[in-house]
Amino acid sequence: MKSSVFACLLVAYPLSALAQWTVMNDIDANTNEKTKVAYTNNAAGYSLEIYEDKNGVIRSRFTLNGGFSVLAQNSCPTIQVDKHKPINLSIDDGLCVLDKKSAEHVLGYVENNRVISRPLYYLMNGRSIVYRFNLENGGYGQTEFSLNGSKYALVSTLGIEIEVVPSDQ
């Protein structure tokens, strides 16, 4: 009996690791259009969403926790996956889109079922992502998300037919 319980725990463990990322449907209140979103949050209450918009642009949205903190409107958060070089610009060297509680970066563009994006590739194949950000009050914040299950969630969100490569090969 004990060995069958242990076997069940071993089989269930990978499923719990995948549960850190989920796929949701976001419905636009104005158009009723559905968008699939890969979503995770962490113990500190911060959240991260990745989705493809109707123009084939893949975006990430980092959102502060529910506290009173407000993002500084003059600097984009820095994103670092594992030990790779940190970035704070969108894939096309454009600035992020900021509001008081969230920052949005462009991660790539879908063209002919292919996305050339080092940041998106790292998100799908890394272990963790760290966001570092300035606050409106002059403070600084940092938070980390696990990337366990991100590849599965992103493939489910973007579609299995989409190939993500780190550079134009």
C-alpha atoms as a PDB file:
ATOM      1  CA  MET A   1       0.000   0.000   0.000  1.00  0.00           C
ATOM      2  CA  LYS A   2       2.771   2.440   0.922  1.00  0.00           C
ATOM      3  CA  SER A   3       4.572   1.850  -2.389  1.00  0.00           C
ATOM      4  CA  SER A   4       1.434   2.617  -4.431  1.00  0.00           C
ATOM      5  CA  VAL A   5       0.932   5.910  -2.545  1.00  0.00           C
ATOM      6  CA  PHE A   6       4.590   6.769  -3.167  1.00  0.00           C
ATOM      7  CA  ALA A   7       4.192   5.948  -6.885  1.00  0.00           C
ATOM      8  CA  CYS A   8       1.130   8.198  -7.062  1.00  0.00           C
ATOM      9  CA  LEU A   9       3.088  11.031  -5.473  1.00  0.00           C
ATOM     10  CA  LEU A  10       5.905  10.593  -8.000  1.00  0.00           C
ATOM     11  CA  VAL A  11       3.453  10.726 -10.890  1.00  0.00           C
ATOM     12  CA  ALA A  12       1.591  13.719  -9.422  1.00  0.00           C
ATOM     13  CA  TYR A  13       4.731  15.765  -8.696  1.00  0.00           C
ATOM     14  CA  PRO A  14       5.411  16.887 -12.285  1.00  0.00           C
ATOM     15  CA  LEU A  15       1.783  17.934 -12.645  1.00  0.00           C
ATOM     16  CA  SER A  16       2.047  20.186  -9.594  1.00  0.00           C
ATOM     17  CA  ALA A  17       5.200  21.777 -11.046  1.00  0.00           C
ATOM     18  CA  LEU A  18       3.296  22.570 -14.236  1.00  0.00           C
ATOM     19  CA  ALA A  19       0.492  24.158 -12.242  1.00  0.00           C
ATOM     20  CA  GLN A  20       2.617  27.266 -11.623  1.00  0.00           C
ATOM     21  CA  TRP A  21       1.649  28.493 -15.097  1.00  0.00           C
ATOM     22  CA  THR A  22      -1.914  28.337 -16.364  1.00  0.00           C
ATOM     23  CA  VAL A  23      -3.684  29.213 -19.596  1.00  0.00           C
ATOM     24  CA  MET A  24      -6.673  31.517 -19.294  1.00  0.00           C
ATOM     25  CA  ASN A  25      -9.078  33.167 -21.698  1.00  0.00           C
ATOM     26  CA  ASP A  26      -9.150  36.938 -21.406  1.00  0.00           C
ATOM     27  CA  ILE A  27     -12.287  38.529 -22.835  1.00  0.00           C
ATOM     28  CA  ASP A  28     -12.120  42.122 -24.094  1.00  0.00           C
ATOM     29  CA  ALA A  29     -14.979  44.034 -22.473  1.00  0.00           C
ATOM     30  CA  ASN A  30     -15.427  46.263 -25.558  1.00  0.00           C
ATOM     31  CA  THR A  31     -15.273  43.671 -28.356  1.00  0.00           C
ATOM     32  CA  ASN A  32     -15.984  40.342 -26.596  1.00  0.00           C
ATOM     33  CA  GLU A  33     -12.881  38.940 -28.340  1.00  0.00           C
ATOM     34  CA  LYS A  34     -11.154  36.076 -26.529  1.00  0.00           C
ATOM     35  CA  THR A  35      -7.387  36.015 -26.119  1.00  0.00           C
ATOM     36  CA  LYS A  36      -5.484  33.067 -24.685  1.00  0.00           C
ATOM     37  CA  VAL A  37      -3.097  34.161 -21.949  1.00  0.00           C
ATOM     38  CA  ALA A  38      -0.262  32.249 -20.267  1.00  0.00           C
ATOM     39  CA  TYR A  39      -0.443  33.395 -16.633  1.00  0.00           C
ATOM     40  CA  THR A  40       1.492  32.976 -13.419  1.00  0.00           C
ATOM     41  CA  ASN A  41       1.770  34.757 -10.110  1.00  0.00           C
ATOM     42  CA  ASN A  42       4.137  34.435  -7.197  1.00  0.00           C
ATOM     43  CA  ALA A  43       3.829  34.292  -3.417  1.00  0.00           C
ATOM     44  CA  ALA A  44       4.354  38.059  -3.167  1.00  0.00           C
ATOM     45  CA  GLY A  45       1.226  38.667  -5.309  1.00  0.00           C
ATOM     46  CA  TYR A  46       2.922  39.893  -8.494  1.00  0.00           C
ATOM     47  CA  SER A  47       1.667  38.470 -11.786  1.00  0.00           C
ATOM     48  CA  LEU A  48       3.017  37.849 -15.270  1.00  0.00           C
ATOM     49  CA  GLU A  49       0.960  37.296 -18.415  1.00  0.00           C
ATOM     50  CA  ILE A  50       2.117  36.476 -21.945  1.00  0.00           C
ATOM     51  CA  TYR A  51      -0.223  36.594 -24.918  1.00  0.00           C
ATOM     52  CA  GLU A  52      -0.439  37.138 -28.667  1.00  0.00           C
ATOM     53  CA  ASP A  53      -2.529  40.116 -29.732  1.00  0.00           C
ATOM     54  CA  LYS A  54      -4.745  40.175 -32.850  1.00  0.00           C
ATOM     55  CA  ASN A  55      -1.839  41.565 -34.927  1.00  0.00           C
ATOM     56  CA  GLY A  56       0.508  38.659 -34.174  1.00  0.00           C
ATOM     57  CA  VAL A  57       2.508  40.615 -31.588  1.00  0.00           C
ATOM     58  CA  ILE A  58       3.578  38.597 -28.538  1.00  0.00           C
ATOM     59  CA  ARG A  59       3.475  40.690 -25.380  1.00  0.00           C
ATOM     60  CA  SER A  60       4.313  40.243 -21.712  1.00  0.00           C
ATOM     61  CA  ARG A  61       2.483  42.127 -18.969  1.00  0.00           C
ATOM     62  CA  PHE A  62       4.043  42.370 -15.516  1.00  0.00           C
ATOM     63  CA  THR A  63       1.646  43.579 -12.814  1.00  0.00           C
ATOM     64  CA  LEU A  64       2.467  44.784  -9.305  1.00  0.00           C
ATOM     65  CA  ASN A  65       0.837  43.185  -6.309  1.00  0.00           C
ATOM     66  CA  GLY A  66      -2.280  44.703  -4.782  1.00  0.00           C
ATOM     67  CA  GLY A  67      -0.432  47.094  -2.430  1.00  0.00           C
ATOM     68  CA  PHE A  68      -0.098  50.847  -2.695  1.00  0.00           C
ATOM     69  CA  SER A  69       3.083  50.792  -4.791  1.00  0.00           C
ATOM     70  CA  VAL A  70       3.078  52.548  -8.169  1.00  0.00           C
ATOM     71  CA  LEU A  71       5.610  52.012 -10.962  1.00  0.00           C
ATOM     72  CA  ALA A  72       7.873  54.942 -11.857  1.00  0.00           C
ATOM     73  CA  GLN A  73       6.686  56.230 -15.210  1.00  0.00           C
ATOM     74  CA  ASN A  74      10.170  57.119 -16.465  1.00  0.00           C
ATOM     75  CA  SER A  75      11.819  53.694 -16.584  1.00  0.00           C
ATOM     76  CA  CYS A  76      10.860  50.246 -17.805  1.00  0.00           C
ATOM     77  CA  PRO A  77      11.371  47.272 -15.504  1.00  0.00           C
ATOM     78  CA  THR A  78      14.439  45.151 -16.160  1.00  0.00           C
ATOM     79  CA  ILE A  79      13.803  41.517 -17.052  1.00  0.00           C
ATOM     80  CA  GLN A  80      16.386  38.784 -16.484  1.00  0.00           C
ATOM     81  CA  VAL A  81      15.898  35.089 -17.207  1.00  0.00           C
ATOM     82  CA  ASP A  82      18.375  32.898 -15.331  1.00  0.00           C
ATOM     83  CA  LYS A  83      21.902  34.312 -15.840  1.00  0.00           C
ATOM     84  CA  HIS A  84      21.207  35.782 -19.286  1.00  0.00           C
ATOM     85  CA  LYS A  85      21.799  39.463 -19.991  1.00  0.00           C
ATOM     86  CA  PRO A  86      19.071  41.661 -18.439  1.00  0.00           C
ATOM     87  CA  ILE A  87      16.873  43.679 -20.803  1.00  0.00           C
ATOM     88  CA  ASN A  88      14.545  46.598 -20.235  1.00  0.00           C
ATOM     89  CA  LEU A  89      13.383  47.288 -23.776  1.00  0.00           C
ATOM     90  CA  SER A  90      10.985  45.513 -26.086  1.00  0.00           C
ATOM     91  CA  ILE A  91      12.359  43.186 -28.783  1.00  0.00           C
ATOM     92  CA  ASP A  92      12.393  46.046 -31.318  1.00  0.00           C
ATOM     93  CA  ASP A  93      14.297  48.326 -28.875  1.00  0.00           C
ATOM     94  CA  GLY A  94      11.069  50.170 -28.169  1.00  0.00           C
ATOM     95  CA  LEU A  95      10.122  51.286 -24.692  1.00  0.00           C
ATOM     96  CA  CYS A  96       7.681  49.310 -22.644  1.00  0.00           C
ATOM     97  CA  VAL A  97       4.130  50.535 -22.119  1.00  0.00           C
ATOM     98  CA  LEU A  98       3.704  51.640 -18.513  1.00  0.00           C
ATOM     99  CA  ASP A  99       0.734  52.397 -16.358  1.00  0.00           C
ATOM    100  CA  LYS A 100       0.581  52.748 -12.577  1.00  0.00           C
ATOM    101  CA  LYS A 101       0.437  49.031 -11.814  1.00  0.00           C
ATOM    102  CA  SER A 102       1.788  47.251 -14.910  1.00  0.00           C
ATOM    103  CA  ALA A 103       4.446  47.245 -17.613  1.00  0.00           C
ATOM    104  CA  GLU A 104       4.087  45.631 -21.016  1.00  0.00           C
ATOM    105  CA  HIS A 105       6.953  44.571 -23.301  1.00  0.00           C
ATOM    106  CA  VAL A 106       6.862  43.307 -26.886  1.00  0.00           C
ATOM    107  CA  LEU A 107       8.578  39.900 -26.935  1.00  0.00           C
ATOM    108  CA  GLY A 108       8.270  39.116 -30.625  1.00  0.00           C
ATOM    109  CA  TYR A 109       6.226  38.951 -33.800  1.00  0.00           C
ATOM    110  CA  VAL A 110       4.608  35.891 -35.365  1.00  0.00           C
ATOM    111  CA  GLU A 111       5.540  35.698 -39.048  1.00  0.00           C
ATOM    112  CA  ASN A 112       4.856  32.541 -41.073  1.00  0.00           C
ATOM    113  CA  ASN A 113       4.317  30.526 -37.864  1.00  0.00           C
ATOM    114  CA  ARG A 114       7.750  31.538 -36.574  1.00  0.00           C
ATOM    115  CA  VAL A 115       8.889  33.898 -33.840  1.00  0.00           C
ATOM    116  CA  ILE A 116      12.493  35.065 -33.655  1.00  0.00           C
ATOM    117  CA  SER A 117      12.894  36.156 -30.051  1.00  0.00           C
ATOM    118  CA  ARG A 118      15.694  35.477 -27.612  1.00  0.00           C
ATOM    119  CA  PRO A 119      13.603  36.679 -24.594  1.00  0.00           C
ATOM    120  CA  LEU A 120      10.626  34.463 -25.486  1.00  0.00           C
ATOM    121  CA  TYR A 121      12.918  31.485 -26.127  1.00  0.00           C
ATOM    122  CA  TYR A 122      14.522  32.011 -22.696  1.00  0.00           C
ATOM    123  CA  LEU A 123      11.086  32.296 -21.049  1.00  0.00           C
ATOM    124  CA  MET A 124      10.107  28.956 -22.541  1.00  0.00           C
ATOM    125  CA  ASN A 125      13.339  27.187 -21.615  1.00  0.00           C
ATOM    126  CA  GLY A 126      14.560  28.893 -18.431  1.00  0.00           C
ATOM    127  CA  ARG A 127      14.178  28.233 -14.727  1.00  0.00           C
ATOM    128  CA  SER A 128      13.236  31.662 -13.362  1.00  0.00           C
ATOM    129  CA  ILE A 129      12.650  35.255 -14.390  1.00  0.00           C
ATOM    130  CA  VAL A 130      13.427  38.285 -12.225  1.00  0.00           C
ATOM    131  CA  TYR A 131      11.769  41.687 -12.632  1.00  0.00           C
ATOM    132  CA  ARG A 132      13.553  44.714 -11.173  1.00  0.00           C
ATOM    133  CA  PHE A 133      11.642  47.976 -11.136  1.00  0.00           C
ATOM    134  CA  ASN A 134      11.662  51.543  -9.864  1.00  0.00           C
ATOM    135  CA  LEU A 135       8.729  52.882  -7.906  1.00  0.00           C
ATOM    136  CA  GLU A 136       7.124  56.303  -8.134  1.00  0.00           C
ATOM    137  CA  ASN A 137       8.126  57.110  -4.534  1.00  0.00           C
ATOM    138  CA  GLY A 138      11.824  56.640  -5.395  1.00  0.00           C
ATOM    139  CA  GLY A 139      11.923  53.093  -4.068  1.00  0.00           C
ATOM    140  CA  TYR A 140      13.049  49.963  -5.823  1.00  0.00           C
ATOM    141  CA  GLY A 141      11.449  46.556  -6.118  1.00  0.00           C
ATOM    142  CA  GLN A 142      12.403  43.113  -7.284  1.00  0.00           C
ATOM    143  CA  THR A 143      10.415  39.924  -7.675  1.00  0.00           C
ATOM    144  CA  GLU A 144      10.970  36.485  -9.149  1.00  0.00           C
ATOM    145  CA  PHE A 145       8.733  34.013 -10.975  1.00  0.00           C
ATOM    146  CA  SER A 146       9.356  30.330 -11.564  1.00  0.00           C
ATOM    147  CA  LEU A 147       9.347  29.265 -15.198  1.00  0.00           C
ATOM    148  CA  ASN A 148       8.304  25.691 -14.356  1.00  0.00           C
ATOM    149  CA  GLY A 149       5.527  24.882 -16.798  1.00  0.00           C
ATOM    150  CA  SER A 150       5.989  28.068 -18.843  1.00  0.00           C
ATOM    151  CA  LYS A 151       6.848  26.209 -22.046  1.00  0.00           C
ATOM    152  CA  TYR A 152       3.693  24.101 -21.860  1.00  0.00           C
ATOM    153  CA  ALA A 153       1.536  27.162 -21.103  1.00  0.00           C
ATOM    154  CA  LEU A 154       3.138  29.217 -23.884  1.00  0.00           C
ATOM    155  CA  VAL A 155       2.776  26.452 -26.473  1.00  0.00           C
ATOM    156  CA  SER A 156      -0.889  26.123 -25.421  1.00  0.00           C
ATOM    157  CA  THR A 157      -1.339  29.886 -25.683  1.00  0.00           C
ATOM    158  CA  LEU A 158       0.506  30.561 -28.942  1.00  0.00           C
ATOM    159  CA  GLY A 159      -0.282  27.284 -30.702  1.00  0.00           C
ATOM    160  CA  ILE A 160       1.726  24.150 -31.278  1.00  0.00           C
ATOM    161  CA  GLU A 161       2.424  25.201 -34.867  1.00  0.00           C
ATOM    162  CA  ILE A 162       4.425  28.273 -33.765  1.00  0.00           C
ATOM    163  CA  GLU A 163       8.203  27.795 -33.756  1.00  0.00           C
ATOM    164  CA  VAL A 164      10.164  30.010 -31.347  1.00  0.00           C
ATOM    165  CA  VAL A 165      13.871  30.450 -32.106  1.00  0.00           C
ATOM    166  CA  PRO A 166      16.422  32.588 -30.246  1.00  0.00           C
ATOM    167  CA  SER A 167      17.881  34.220 -33.375  1.00  0.00           C
ATOM    168  CA  ASP A 168      17.622  34.235 -37.138  1.00  0.00           C
ATOM    169  CA  GLN A 169      19.540  31.095 -38.080  1.00  0.00           C
END
